Amino acid sequence: MTPSGSARTLTITFHGHACFTVEGDGRRLVLDPFLTGNPAGTLA
């Protein structure tokens, strides 16, 4: 639960095929079943 007057933001970004980044509360989660070894997987 957030304090009254404050809001949290959750950002979901689609990068292509099956890759998503979920960001919120100062944390980042990258979901991709084929990130390692994929030449097109260039997330920084």
N, C-alpha and C. Protein backbone atom coordinates (compact mmCIF):
# COMPACT_ATOMS: atom_id res chain seq x y z
N MET A 1 0.84 -1.17 0.00
CA MET A 1 0.00 0.00 0.00
C MET A 1 0.90 1.24 0.00
N THR A 2 0.60 2.20 -0.84
CA THR A 2 1.39 3.43 -0.89
C THR A 2 0.77 4.49 0.00
N PRO A 3 1.59 5.37 0.55
CA PRO A 3 1.06 6.46 1.37
C PRO A 3 0.13 7.36 0.56
N SER A 4 -0.79 8.00 1.22
CA SER A 4 -1.75 8.89 0.56
C SER A 4 -1.02 9.98 -0.21
N GLY A 5 -1.39 10.18 -1.46
CA GLY A 5 -0.81 11.23 -2.27
C GLY A 5 0.38 10.78 -3.11
N SER A 6 0.90 9.57 -2.89
CA SER A 6 2.02 9.11 -3.71
C SER A 6 1.54 8.00 -4.63
N ALA A 7 2.21 7.86 -5.74
CA ALA A 7 1.85 6.83 -6.70
C ALA A 7 3.11 6.12 -7.16
N ARG A 8 2.98 4.86 -7.44
CA ARG A 8 4.09 4.08 -7.98
C ARG A 8 3.81 3.83 -9.45
N THR A 9 4.88 3.75 -10.21
CA THR A 9 4.75 3.54 -11.64
C THR A 9 5.39 2.21 -12.01
N LEU A 10 4.68 1.43 -12.78
CA LEU A 10 5.20 0.19 -13.33
C LEU A 10 5.21 0.35 -14.84
N THR A 11 6.39 0.16 -15.43
CA THR A 11 6.53 0.31 -16.88
C THR A 11 6.84 -1.04 -17.49
N ILE A 12 6.08 -1.42 -18.51
CA ILE A 12 6.32 -2.65 -19.24
C ILE A 12 6.65 -2.27 -20.68
N THR A 13 7.82 -2.73 -21.14
CA THR A 13 8.28 -2.40 -22.50
C THR A 13 8.42 -3.69 -23.30
N PHE A 14 7.80 -3.74 -24.47
CA PHE A 14 7.92 -4.87 -25.39
C PHE A 14 9.06 -4.58 -26.34
N HIS A 15 10.05 -5.48 -26.40
CA HIS A 15 11.22 -5.28 -27.25
C HIS A 15 11.14 -6.07 -28.55
N GLY A 16 10.25 -7.00 -28.64
CA GLY A 16 10.11 -7.80 -29.84
C GLY A 16 10.04 -9.27 -29.51
N HIS A 17 9.45 -10.05 -30.38
CA HIS A 17 9.24 -11.49 -30.26
C HIS A 17 8.65 -11.85 -28.90
N ALA A 18 9.46 -12.23 -27.92
CA ALA A 18 8.94 -12.62 -26.60
C ALA A 18 9.66 -11.88 -25.48
N CYS A 19 10.32 -10.78 -25.79
CA CYS A 19 11.15 -10.07 -24.81
C CYS A 19 10.41 -8.86 -24.24
N PHE A 20 10.39 -8.78 -22.92
CA PHE A 20 9.77 -7.67 -22.21
C PHE A 20 10.71 -7.19 -21.11
N THR A 21 10.65 -5.90 -20.80
CA THR A 21 11.30 -5.35 -19.62
C THR A 21 10.20 -4.80 -18.73
N VAL A 22 10.26 -5.17 -17.45
CA VAL A 22 9.32 -4.66 -16.45
C VAL A 22 10.14 -3.83 -15.47
N GLU A 23 9.79 -2.55 -15.31
CA GLU A 23 10.54 -1.65 -14.44
C GLU A 23 9.61 -0.98 -13.45
N GLY A 24 10.07 -0.89 -12.21
CA GLY A 24 9.30 -0.22 -11.18
C GLY A 24 10.02 -0.28 -9.85
N ASP A 25 9.81 0.72 -9.04
CA ASP A 25 10.38 0.78 -7.69
C ASP A 25 11.90 0.65 -7.72
N GLY A 26 12.53 1.22 -8.76
CA GLY A 26 13.99 1.19 -8.86
C GLY A 26 14.57 -0.14 -9.29
N ARG A 27 13.74 -1.03 -9.78
CA ARG A 27 14.20 -2.35 -10.20
C ARG A 27 13.81 -2.62 -11.63
N ARG A 28 14.60 -3.50 -12.28
CA ARG A 28 14.34 -3.84 -13.69
C ARG A 28 14.41 -5.36 -13.84
N LEU A 29 13.44 -5.91 -14.53
CA LEU A 29 13.38 -7.34 -14.80
C LEU A 29 13.24 -7.53 -16.30
N VAL A 30 14.18 -8.26 -16.90
CA VAL A 30 14.13 -8.55 -18.33
C VAL A 30 13.67 -9.99 -18.50
N LEU A 31 12.60 -10.16 -19.27
CA LEU A 31 12.04 -11.48 -19.54
C LEU A 31 12.24 -11.80 -21.01
N ASP A 32 13.07 -12.80 -21.28
CA ASP A 32 13.30 -13.21 -22.67
C ASP A 32 13.82 -14.64 -22.67
N PRO A 33 13.11 -15.55 -23.30
CA PRO A 33 13.57 -16.93 -23.33
C PRO A 33 14.79 -17.13 -24.22
N PHE A 34 15.18 -16.14 -25.03
CA PHE A 34 16.31 -16.28 -25.94
C PHE A 34 17.16 -15.02 -25.94
N LEU A 35 17.61 -14.57 -24.77
CA LEU A 35 18.46 -13.38 -24.67
C LEU A 35 19.93 -13.75 -24.82
N THR A 36 20.39 -14.78 -24.12
CA THR A 36 21.78 -15.21 -24.19
C THR A 36 22.03 -15.92 -25.52
N GLY A 37 23.06 -15.47 -26.22
CA GLY A 37 23.41 -16.08 -27.51
C GLY A 37 22.63 -15.55 -28.69
N ASN A 38 21.75 -14.61 -28.48
CA ASN A 38 20.95 -14.03 -29.55
C ASN A 38 21.60 -12.73 -30.00
N PRO A 39 22.10 -12.65 -31.24
CA PRO A 39 22.75 -11.43 -31.70
C PRO A 39 21.84 -10.21 -31.74
N ALA A 40 20.52 -10.41 -31.78
CA ALA A 40 19.59 -9.29 -31.79
C ALA A 40 19.23 -8.84 -30.37
N GLY A 41 19.67 -9.57 -29.36
CA GLY A 41 19.36 -9.23 -27.97
C GLY A 41 20.38 -8.27 -27.39
N THR A 42 20.26 -6.99 -27.70
CA THR A 42 21.26 -5.99 -27.29
C THR A 42 20.68 -5.02 -26.29
N LEU A 43 20.18 -5.50 -25.18
CA LEU A 43 19.67 -4.63 -24.12
C LEU A 43 20.82 -4.16 -23.27
N ALA A 44 20.81 -2.87 -22.91
CA ALA A 44 21.89 -2.34 -22.08
C ALA A 44 21.40 -2.14 -20.67
